[in-house]
Amino acid sequence: MNVRWLIIPLLLALLGCAAPEGRFPILADDAQGAGRRILVTFVDRSINRSVPGNPLDGYRVRGVYDNSDWSKRVSTELAEHYGLRLLAQWPVTTLGVACVVYEIPEGQSLEQVLQSVGRSKQVGSVQAMRDYRVLNEPALASSHYNDPYLQLQRGFQALRIEQAHGRATGRGVRIAVIDTGVDNSHPDLRGRIKESENLAPAPANQDLADIHGTAVAGVLAAQPGNGIGIAGVAPGADIFSMRACWPEAPGAAAARCNSYTLALALNEAIRLRSDIINMSLTGPDDPLVQLLVEEALRQNIIVVAAVPQDPEHGGFPANVPGVLPVASGEGHGQNSLVGPSVDVLTTIPHGSYDFMSGSSFAAPHVAGVIALLLELHPHLSAADIRLMLKGGKGGAPLDAVATLSALH
């Protein structure tokens, strides 16, 4: 194989990501104001009324739900009473509450505002906006499938995915990828993304070129046997792309999210009746996001989350009881599953491929194997799956064939 065939499209893709000055003005504003932003929720009994949306502050919600006139009036009154700037509002339908983002003006104390707003009888919860980052590390530089890069997929080979596909491909299993966006036009992903929602601040130019989400989606669902690229772990699954994160810079794999965008994405993933939610990201504990993760678990949705190597990056949401945490190697305790995470060859925007490393890419390997299991036994619980994938010993390497063979 001519390796330059792999590298040249990548270089062209990165060159194509160069953006004119001012392409990401909303993201820049968001970064500057994030430390002064709070989330407020309150109960709205008409929460599920379907009306056209009216997003603010660059948050683009493509769903058909909007806050009621009553909740809009309440959110405006709260802004006026406490001297806050109303930025965005959206109904969290699965919790029956209106969610509002406010910005605290210069000169006001965050803690004092949180305490004051929290005493209001109308307010259900109030919290500071949290920041999250996807778990990505810099890339290190005989089959019945005819995908030319298959032999370079170390994780795919280690898990014996090709043999496992003789029994299951994840057909009909719904996987929500809460991440950056996905390049739906990538030749290995074309037709594989069943639903796309953009829930994060977006630049005017919609050529988002979101690298991280495209890479995660490739591990999960790249089309096998099409004579190009790679093969995904669960190519029969239905992938829901929930864009809750955005690149830190044009052409960068590093990306960030916040409490509000993650809440929107989780709400949509639950509303769409996902079977699995993949969250290759981490950050500090968050009350609202945890409520939604717990609601997903209550509805028997399997939540898979990446565990950071550096504890300073936070361990949420992987540390929520019931979530399946996935680490990139040993040393993360008996509770973590371990998936392939080094030099993972996967899809990136503009029809290219690259090697990625980190627990961000261990998580979709595990989520993909879970999809294979759920195709055969749709009613498996998270506890059942944890026992099956742990193999009775913490840190034991996954083997998709052995796991599927254990099913009766």
Protein backbone atom coordinates (compact mmCIF):
# COMPACT_ATOMS: atom_id res chain seq x y z
CA MET A 1 0.00 0.00 0.00
CA ASN A 2 1.26 3.45 -0.84
CA VAL A 3 1.22 5.29 2.49
CA ARG A 4 1.37 8.63 0.69
CA TRP A 5 -2.16 7.93 -0.58
CA LEU A 6 -3.23 8.15 3.07
CA ILE A 7 -1.17 11.21 3.98
CA ILE A 8 -1.81 13.44 0.97
CA PRO A 9 -5.61 13.63 1.39
CA LEU A 10 -5.01 14.42 5.06
CA LEU A 11 -2.69 17.31 4.22
CA LEU A 12 -5.15 18.62 1.65
CA ALA A 13 -7.92 18.38 4.24
CA LEU A 14 -5.95 20.33 6.81
CA LEU A 15 -4.99 22.97 4.27
CA GLY A 16 -8.64 23.21 3.33
CA CYS A 17 -9.50 24.01 6.95
CA ALA A 18 -7.74 27.38 6.84
CA ALA A 19 -10.39 29.96 7.62
CA PRO A 20 -10.60 33.67 6.99
CA GLU A 21 -10.33 35.96 9.99
CA GLY A 22 -13.58 36.17 11.92
CA ARG A 23 -14.94 32.80 10.78
CA PHE A 24 -15.55 31.74 14.40
CA PRO A 25 -16.70 34.96 16.10
CA ILE A 26 -19.42 33.24 18.15
CA LEU A 27 -17.02 30.64 19.51
CA ALA A 28 -14.56 33.34 20.51
CA ASP A 29 -17.28 35.27 22.34
CA ASP A 30 -18.42 32.07 24.02
CA ALA A 31 -14.91 31.35 25.32
CA GLN A 32 -14.54 34.86 26.76
CA GLY A 33 -17.89 34.85 28.57
CA ALA A 34 -18.08 31.22 29.72
CA GLY A 35 -16.80 31.98 33.23
CA ARG A 36 -19.69 34.39 33.88
CA ARG A 37 -22.50 32.15 32.63
CA ILE A 38 -25.08 30.29 34.69
CA LEU A 39 -27.81 27.73 33.94
CA VAL A 40 -31.22 28.10 35.54
CA THR A 41 -34.10 25.63 35.32
CA PHE A 42 -37.74 25.86 36.38
CA VAL A 43 -40.76 23.61 35.87
CA ASP A 44 -42.93 24.33 32.84
CA ARG A 45 -46.09 22.20 32.61
CA SER A 46 -46.52 22.99 28.89
CA ILE A 47 -42.98 21.88 28.11
CA ASN A 48 -43.81 19.44 25.31
CA ARG A 49 -45.71 21.89 23.14
CA SER A 50 -44.25 21.77 19.62
CA VAL A 51 -43.55 25.18 18.09
CA PRO A 52 -40.83 26.73 15.90
CA GLY A 53 -37.58 27.40 17.74
CA ASN A 54 -35.85 30.74 18.21
CA PRO A 55 -32.26 30.04 19.35
CA LEU A 56 -30.12 32.81 20.82
CA ASP A 57 -26.37 33.41 21.15
CA GLY A 58 -25.43 31.11 18.28
CA TYR A 59 -26.91 27.92 19.77
CA ARG A 60 -28.73 26.25 16.91
CA VAL A 61 -31.39 23.77 17.94
CA ARG A 62 -32.92 21.95 14.99
CA GLY A 63 -35.63 20.22 17.02
CA VAL A 64 -39.25 21.36 16.96
CA TYR A 65 -39.56 22.19 20.66
CA ASP A 66 -39.40 25.70 22.12
CA ASN A 67 -40.07 27.23 25.52
CA SER A 68 -43.67 28.31 26.13
CA ASP A 69 -44.67 31.97 26.28
CA TRP A 70 -45.08 31.55 30.04
CA SER A 71 -41.53 30.26 30.53
CA LYS A 72 -40.16 32.98 28.26
CA ARG A 73 -41.87 35.56 30.43
CA VAL A 74 -40.43 33.99 33.58
CA SER A 75 -36.93 33.88 32.11
CA THR A 76 -37.20 37.55 31.12
CA GLU A 77 -38.48 38.53 34.57
CA LEU A 78 -35.59 36.70 36.24
CA ALA A 79 -33.12 38.49 33.97
CA GLU A 80 -34.58 41.88 34.83
CA HIS A 81 -34.88 41.18 38.56
CA TYR A 82 -31.30 39.97 39.01
CA GLY A 83 -29.66 42.18 36.38
CA LEU A 84 -28.65 39.29 34.12
CA ARG A 85 -28.24 39.04 30.36
CA LEU A 86 -30.49 36.37 28.81
CA LEU A 87 -28.45 34.39 26.26
CA ALA A 88 -30.38 31.23 25.39
CA GLN A 89 -33.30 29.10 26.50
CA TRP A 90 -34.59 25.69 25.55
CA PRO A 91 -36.97 23.09 27.03
CA VAL A 92 -35.41 19.96 28.51
CA THR A 93 -38.42 17.84 27.61
CA THR A 94 -37.29 14.65 29.36
CA LEU A 95 -37.11 16.47 32.73
CA GLY A 96 -40.11 18.75 32.17
CA VAL A 97 -38.14 21.93 32.83
CA ALA A 98 -37.15 25.06 30.95
CA CYS A 99 -33.40 25.61 30.80
CA VAL A 100 -32.07 29.16 30.52
CA VAL A 101 -28.52 30.48 30.06
CA TYR A 102 -27.73 33.86 31.61
CA GLU A 103 -24.55 35.92 31.65
CA ILE A 104 -23.55 37.80 34.80
CA PRO A 105 -22.47 41.41 34.12
CA GLU A 106 -18.98 42.54 35.09
CA GLY A 107 -18.78 43.58 38.72
CA GLN A 108 -21.22 40.98 40.05
CA SER A 109 -19.98 37.97 42.02
CA LEU A 110 -20.77 34.57 40.56
CA GLU A 111 -21.29 33.01 43.99
CA GLN A 112 -23.57 35.81 45.18
CA VAL A 113 -25.69 35.59 42.03
CA LEU A 114 -25.99 31.80 42.38
CA GLN A 115 -27.14 32.20 45.98
CA SER A 116 -29.61 34.99 45.18
CA VAL A 117 -31.16 33.27 42.17
CA GLY A 118 -31.29 29.97 44.06
CA ARG A 119 -33.54 31.53 46.70
CA SER A 120 -36.22 32.40 44.12
CA LYS A 121 -39.37 30.28 44.54
CA GLN A 122 -39.71 30.08 40.75
CA VAL A 123 -36.26 28.52 40.25
CA GLY A 124 -35.78 24.76 40.39
CA SER A 125 -31.99 24.74 40.06
CA VAL A 126 -29.14 27.13 39.35
CA GLN A 127 -25.52 26.31 38.60
CA ALA A 128 -22.41 27.69 37.00
CA MET A 129 -21.74 26.74 33.39
CA ARG A 130 -19.20 23.90 33.30
CA ASP A 131 -16.66 23.33 30.55
CA TYR A 132 -15.78 19.93 29.03
CA ARG A 133 -13.12 18.68 26.67
CA VAL A 134 -12.99 15.69 24.39
CA LEU A 135 -10.36 13.11 25.32
CA ASN A 136 -7.93 13.21 22.45
CA GLU A 137 -4.17 12.70 22.40
CA PRO A 138 -1.85 13.74 19.55
CA ALA A 139 -1.63 11.17 16.79
CA LEU A 140 1.55 9.04 16.62
CA ALA A 141 2.76 9.03 13.56
CA SER A 142 -6.72 -11.91 5.02
CA SER A 143 -10.00 -10.77 5.02
CA HIS A 144 -13.32 -11.15 3.29
CA TYR A 145 -13.55 -7.36 3.61
CA ASN A 146 -11.80 -5.43 0.86
CA ASP A 147 -11.14 -2.24 2.83
CA PRO A 148 -7.48 -1.37 2.05
CA TYR A 149 -6.59 -0.03 5.53
CA LEU A 150 -8.15 -2.89 7.47
CA GLN A 151 -4.79 -4.40 8.44
CA LEU A 152 -3.77 -1.05 9.95
CA GLN A 153 -6.76 -1.13 12.33
CA ARG A 154 -5.04 -2.57 15.39
CA GLY A 155 -8.06 -2.33 17.65
CA PHE A 156 -10.35 -3.89 15.06
CA GLN A 157 -7.95 -6.82 14.73
CA ALA A 158 -7.34 -7.18 18.49
CA LEU A 159 -11.06 -7.39 19.23
CA ARG A 160 -11.59 -9.89 16.35
CA ILE A 161 -14.41 -7.73 15.04
CA GLU A 162 -14.41 -9.16 11.54
CA GLN A 163 -15.09 -12.66 12.86
CA ALA A 164 -17.74 -11.27 15.21
CA HIS A 165 -19.52 -9.74 12.23
CA GLY A 166 -20.42 -13.27 11.22
CA ARG A 167 -22.96 -13.15 14.06
CA ALA A 168 -23.84 -9.47 14.48
CA THR A 169 -23.10 -6.03 13.08
CA GLY A 170 -25.21 -3.96 15.49
CA ARG A 171 -28.14 -3.95 13.09
CA GLY A 172 -30.98 -1.73 14.30
CA VAL A 173 -29.19 -0.60 17.49
CA ARG A 174 -29.35 3.18 18.01
CA ILE A 175 -26.11 4.85 19.11
CA ALA A 176 -26.07 8.55 20.01
CA VAL A 177 -22.62 10.10 19.58
CA ILE A 178 -22.43 13.21 21.79
CA ASP A 179 -19.33 14.92 20.46
CA THR A 180 -18.36 17.41 17.79
CA GLY A 181 -20.17 17.08 14.48
CA VAL A 182 -19.65 14.31 11.94
CA ASP A 183 -18.69 14.73 8.29
CA ASN A 184 -21.71 12.94 6.81
CA SER A 185 -20.25 13.19 3.31
CA HIS A 186 -17.15 11.10 4.14
CA PRO A 187 -17.12 8.12 1.71
CA ASP A 188 -16.86 5.64 4.61
CA LEU A 189 -19.70 7.31 6.55
CA ARG A 190 -22.06 8.29 3.72
CA GLY A 191 -25.52 6.99 4.59
CA ARG A 192 -24.37 5.77 8.00
CA ILE A 193 -25.56 8.79 10.03
CA LYS A 194 -29.32 8.48 10.54
CA GLU A 195 -29.85 11.71 12.48
CA SER A 196 -27.75 14.86 12.91
CA GLU A 197 -28.46 17.63 15.41
CA ASN A 198 -26.32 20.75 15.79
CA LEU A 199 -26.75 21.86 19.40
CA ALA A 200 -23.57 23.87 19.86
CA PRO A 201 -22.46 27.38 18.87
CA ALA A 202 -21.77 27.33 15.15
CA PRO A 203 -19.89 29.66 12.82
CA ALA A 204 -21.66 31.23 9.87
CA ASN A 205 -19.74 28.93 7.53
CA GLN A 206 -21.34 25.53 8.01
CA ASP A 207 -18.31 23.62 6.68
CA LEU A 208 -17.56 22.67 10.28
CA ALA A 209 -14.87 20.05 9.58
CA ASP A 210 -15.33 18.58 13.07
CA ILE A 211 -12.46 16.12 13.39
CA HIS A 212 -13.13 14.46 16.75
CA GLY A 213 -16.75 13.44 16.16
CA THR A 214 -15.95 12.21 12.65
CA ALA A 215 -13.14 10.07 14.10
CA VAL A 216 -15.38 8.58 16.81
CA ALA A 217 -18.12 7.85 14.25
CA GLY A 218 -15.58 6.11 11.99
CA VAL A 219 -14.55 3.70 14.76
CA LEU A 220 -18.21 2.85 15.28
CA ALA A 221 -19.74 2.77 11.86
CA ALA A 222 -17.33 3.02 8.90
CA GLN A 223 -18.81 0.95 6.07
CA PRO A 224 -16.97 -2.38 5.62
CA GLY A 225 -16.51 -4.13 2.31
CA ASN A 226 -16.86 -1.03 0.13
CA GLY A 227 -13.31 -1.17 -1.21
CA ILE A 228 -12.19 2.02 0.53
CA GLY A 229 -10.73 3.00 3.88
CA ILE A 230 -11.60 1.09 7.02
CA ALA A 231 -14.35 -0.93 8.71
CA GLY A 232 -16.39 0.05 11.77
CA VAL A 233 -17.03 -2.06 14.86
CA ALA A 234 -20.84 -1.82 14.52
CA PRO A 235 -21.54 -0.86 10.89
CA GLY A 236 -25.15 -2.02 11.10
CA ALA A 237 -26.03 0.41 13.90
CA ASP A 238 -28.03 3.60 13.44
CA ILE A 239 -25.80 6.53 14.39
CA PHE A 240 -27.29 9.73 15.82
CA SER A 241 -24.81 12.60 15.66
CA MET A 242 -25.44 15.04 18.53
CA ARG A 243 -23.08 17.99 17.97
CA ALA A 244 -22.62 19.34 21.51
CA CYS A 245 -18.90 20.24 21.22
CA TRP A 246 -16.97 22.52 18.90
CA PRO A 247 -13.29 22.64 17.81
CA GLU A 248 -10.99 24.81 19.91
CA ALA A 249 -9.48 26.12 16.67
CA PRO A 250 -10.07 25.56 12.95
CA GLY A 251 -8.68 22.17 11.94
CA ALA A 252 -8.06 21.06 15.54
CA ALA A 253 -9.10 17.69 16.95
CA ALA A 254 -9.25 19.22 20.44
CA ALA A 255 -12.76 20.44 21.23
CA ARG A 256 -14.87 21.62 24.13
CA CYS A 257 -18.50 21.58 25.27
CA ASN A 258 -20.45 23.05 28.16
CA SER A 259 -23.28 22.20 30.54
CA TYR A 260 -25.95 23.67 28.29
CA THR A 261 -24.94 21.95 25.05
CA LEU A 262 -24.45 18.60 26.77
CA ALA A 263 -27.89 18.90 28.37
CA LEU A 264 -29.47 19.62 24.99
CA ALA A 265 -27.68 16.66 23.40
CA LEU A 266 -28.59 14.22 26.17
CA ASN A 267 -32.20 15.34 26.04
CA GLU A 268 -32.31 14.70 22.28
CA ALA A 269 -30.56 11.33 22.64
CA ILE A 270 -33.16 10.23 25.21
CA ARG A 271 -36.05 11.62 23.17
CA LEU A 272 -34.85 9.67 20.11
CA ARG A 273 -34.89 6.45 22.17
CA SER A 274 -31.21 5.70 21.79
CA ASP A 275 -29.98 2.32 22.96
CA ILE A 276 -26.43 3.52 23.62
CA ILE A 277 -24.97 6.97 24.30
CA ASN A 278 -21.24 7.43 23.64
CA MET A 279 -19.57 10.36 25.44
CA SER A 280 -15.86 10.59 24.60
CA LEU A 281 -15.37 13.64 26.81
CA THR A 282 -14.78 14.64 30.41
CA GLY A 283 -14.99 17.52 32.85
CA PRO A 284 -16.22 18.49 36.33
CA ASP A 285 -19.32 17.09 38.01
CA ASP A 286 -22.48 18.80 36.76
CA PRO A 287 -25.92 18.61 38.47
CA LEU A 288 -28.10 19.15 35.38
CA VAL A 289 -26.07 16.89 33.09
CA GLN A 290 -26.01 14.20 35.80
CA LEU A 291 -29.81 14.35 36.07
CA LEU A 292 -30.06 13.68 32.34
CA VAL A 293 -27.48 10.87 32.44
CA GLU A 294 -29.45 9.29 35.30
CA GLU A 295 -32.69 9.70 33.31
CA ALA A 296 -31.04 7.90 30.38
CA LEU A 297 -29.97 5.09 32.69
CA ARG A 298 -33.48 4.94 34.18
CA GLN A 299 -34.80 4.40 30.65
CA ASN A 300 -32.36 1.48 30.19
CA ILE A 301 -30.06 3.39 27.84
CA ILE A 302 -26.46 2.18 28.05
CA VAL A 303 -24.17 5.18 28.66
CA VAL A 304 -20.50 4.74 27.73
CA ALA A 305 -18.03 7.44 28.78
CA ALA A 306 -14.27 7.88 28.42
CA VAL A 307 -12.01 8.01 31.48
CA PRO A 308 -9.22 10.65 31.36
CA GLN A 309 -5.63 9.60 31.92
CA ASP A 310 -4.97 12.87 33.76
CA PRO A 311 -7.16 13.17 36.91
CA GLU A 312 -6.96 16.97 36.65
CA HIS A 313 -9.26 16.78 33.61
CA GLY A 314 -12.09 15.50 35.83
CA GLY A 315 -13.82 12.14 35.74
CA PHE A 316 -17.39 13.14 34.87
CA PRO A 317 -19.60 11.66 33.43
CA ALA A 318 -17.68 8.37 33.61
CA ASN A 319 -17.91 8.50 37.42
CA VAL A 320 -21.74 8.53 37.50
CA PRO A 321 -23.00 5.23 39.00
CA GLY A 322 -24.38 3.02 36.25
CA VAL A 323 -22.29 4.57 33.45
CA LEU A 324 -19.81 2.21 31.77
CA PRO A 325 -16.40 3.91 32.09
CA VAL A 326 -13.79 3.11 29.42
CA ALA A 327 -10.09 3.72 29.97
CA SER A 328 -7.20 3.72 27.54
CA GLY A 329 -5.11 1.27 29.57
CA GLU A 330 -4.60 -0.38 32.93
CA GLY A 331 -4.27 1.51 36.19
CA HIS A 332 -7.79 3.01 36.25
CA GLY A 333 -9.26 0.68 38.84
CA GLN A 334 -11.44 -2.38 38.71
CA ASN A 335 -14.51 -0.52 37.50
CA SER A 336 -13.15 0.64 34.14
CA LEU A 337 -13.40 -1.30 30.91
CA VAL A 338 -10.39 -1.11 28.61
CA GLY A 339 -10.57 -0.58 24.87
CA PRO A 340 -8.05 -0.07 22.04
CA SER A 341 -6.74 3.48 22.23
CA VAL A 342 -3.31 3.79 20.60
CA ASP A 343 -2.83 4.58 16.91
CA VAL A 344 -6.48 4.01 16.06
CA LEU A 345 -6.88 4.51 12.31
CA THR A 346 -10.17 6.21 11.62
CA THR A 347 -12.05 8.70 9.48
CA ILE A 348 -11.48 12.45 9.51
CA PRO A 349 -13.25 15.14 7.45
CA HIS A 350 -12.90 15.60 3.69
CA GLY A 351 -12.61 11.89 2.85
CA SER A 352 -9.37 11.36 4.76
CA TYR A 353 -8.03 9.07 7.50
CA ASP A 354 -5.58 9.48 10.35
CA PHE A 355 -4.25 7.71 13.45
CA MET A 356 -5.77 8.92 16.73
CA SER A 357 -4.96 8.00 20.34
CA GLY A 358 -6.71 8.36 23.69
CA SER A 359 -9.66 7.00 25.65
CA SER A 360 -11.92 9.00 23.32
CA PHE A 361 -11.35 6.19 20.82
CA ALA A 362 -11.39 3.34 23.33
CA ALA A 363 -14.98 4.30 24.22
CA PRO A 364 -16.51 3.77 20.72
CA HIS A 365 -14.73 0.41 20.42
CA VAL A 366 -16.55 -0.68 23.58
CA ALA A 367 -19.82 0.98 22.53
CA GLY A 368 -19.59 -0.85 19.21
CA VAL A 369 -19.13 -4.24 20.88
CA ILE A 370 -22.13 -3.46 23.10
CA ALA A 371 -24.17 -2.78 19.94
CA LEU A 372 -23.25 -6.27 18.69
CA LEU A 373 -24.49 -7.72 21.97
CA LEU A 374 -27.72 -5.73 21.91
CA GLU A 375 -28.54 -6.86 18.37
CA LEU A 376 -28.61 -10.44 19.64
CA HIS A 377 -30.09 -9.71 23.10
CA PRO A 378 -31.82 -6.30 23.14
CA HIS A 379 -32.82 -6.52 26.81
CA LEU A 380 -29.34 -6.84 28.30
CA SER A 381 -28.81 -4.40 31.17
CA ALA A 382 -25.74 -2.25 31.76
CA ALA A 383 -24.85 -4.49 34.71
CA ASP A 384 -25.08 -7.61 32.52
CA ILE A 385 -22.91 -6.00 29.85
CA ARG A 386 -20.32 -4.85 32.37
CA LEU A 387 -19.90 -8.42 33.66
CA MET A 388 -19.65 -9.83 30.14
CA LEU A 389 -17.08 -7.30 28.97
CA LYS A 390 -14.98 -7.40 32.15
CA GLY A 391 -14.36 -11.10 31.66
CA GLY A 392 -14.28 -11.53 35.44
CA LYS A 393 -11.06 -9.52 35.83
CA GLY A 394 -10.40 -5.79 35.72
CA GLY A 395 -8.39 -4.69 32.72
CA ALA A 396 -8.90 -7.94 30.79
CA PRO A 397 -8.69 -7.30 27.04
CA LEU A 398 -11.95 -7.41 25.14
CA ASP A 399 -12.62 -10.18 22.65
CA ALA A 400 -15.79 -9.66 20.62
CA VAL A 401 -15.94 -13.25 19.38
CA ALA A 402 -15.58 -14.72 22.87
CA THR A 403 -18.14 -12.25 24.27
CA LEU A 404 -20.72 -13.07 21.60
CA SER A 405 -20.07 -16.80 21.97
CA ALA A 406 -20.91 -16.53 25.67
CA LEU A 407 -24.48 -15.57 24.76
CA HIS A 408 -26.92 -18.44 24.77
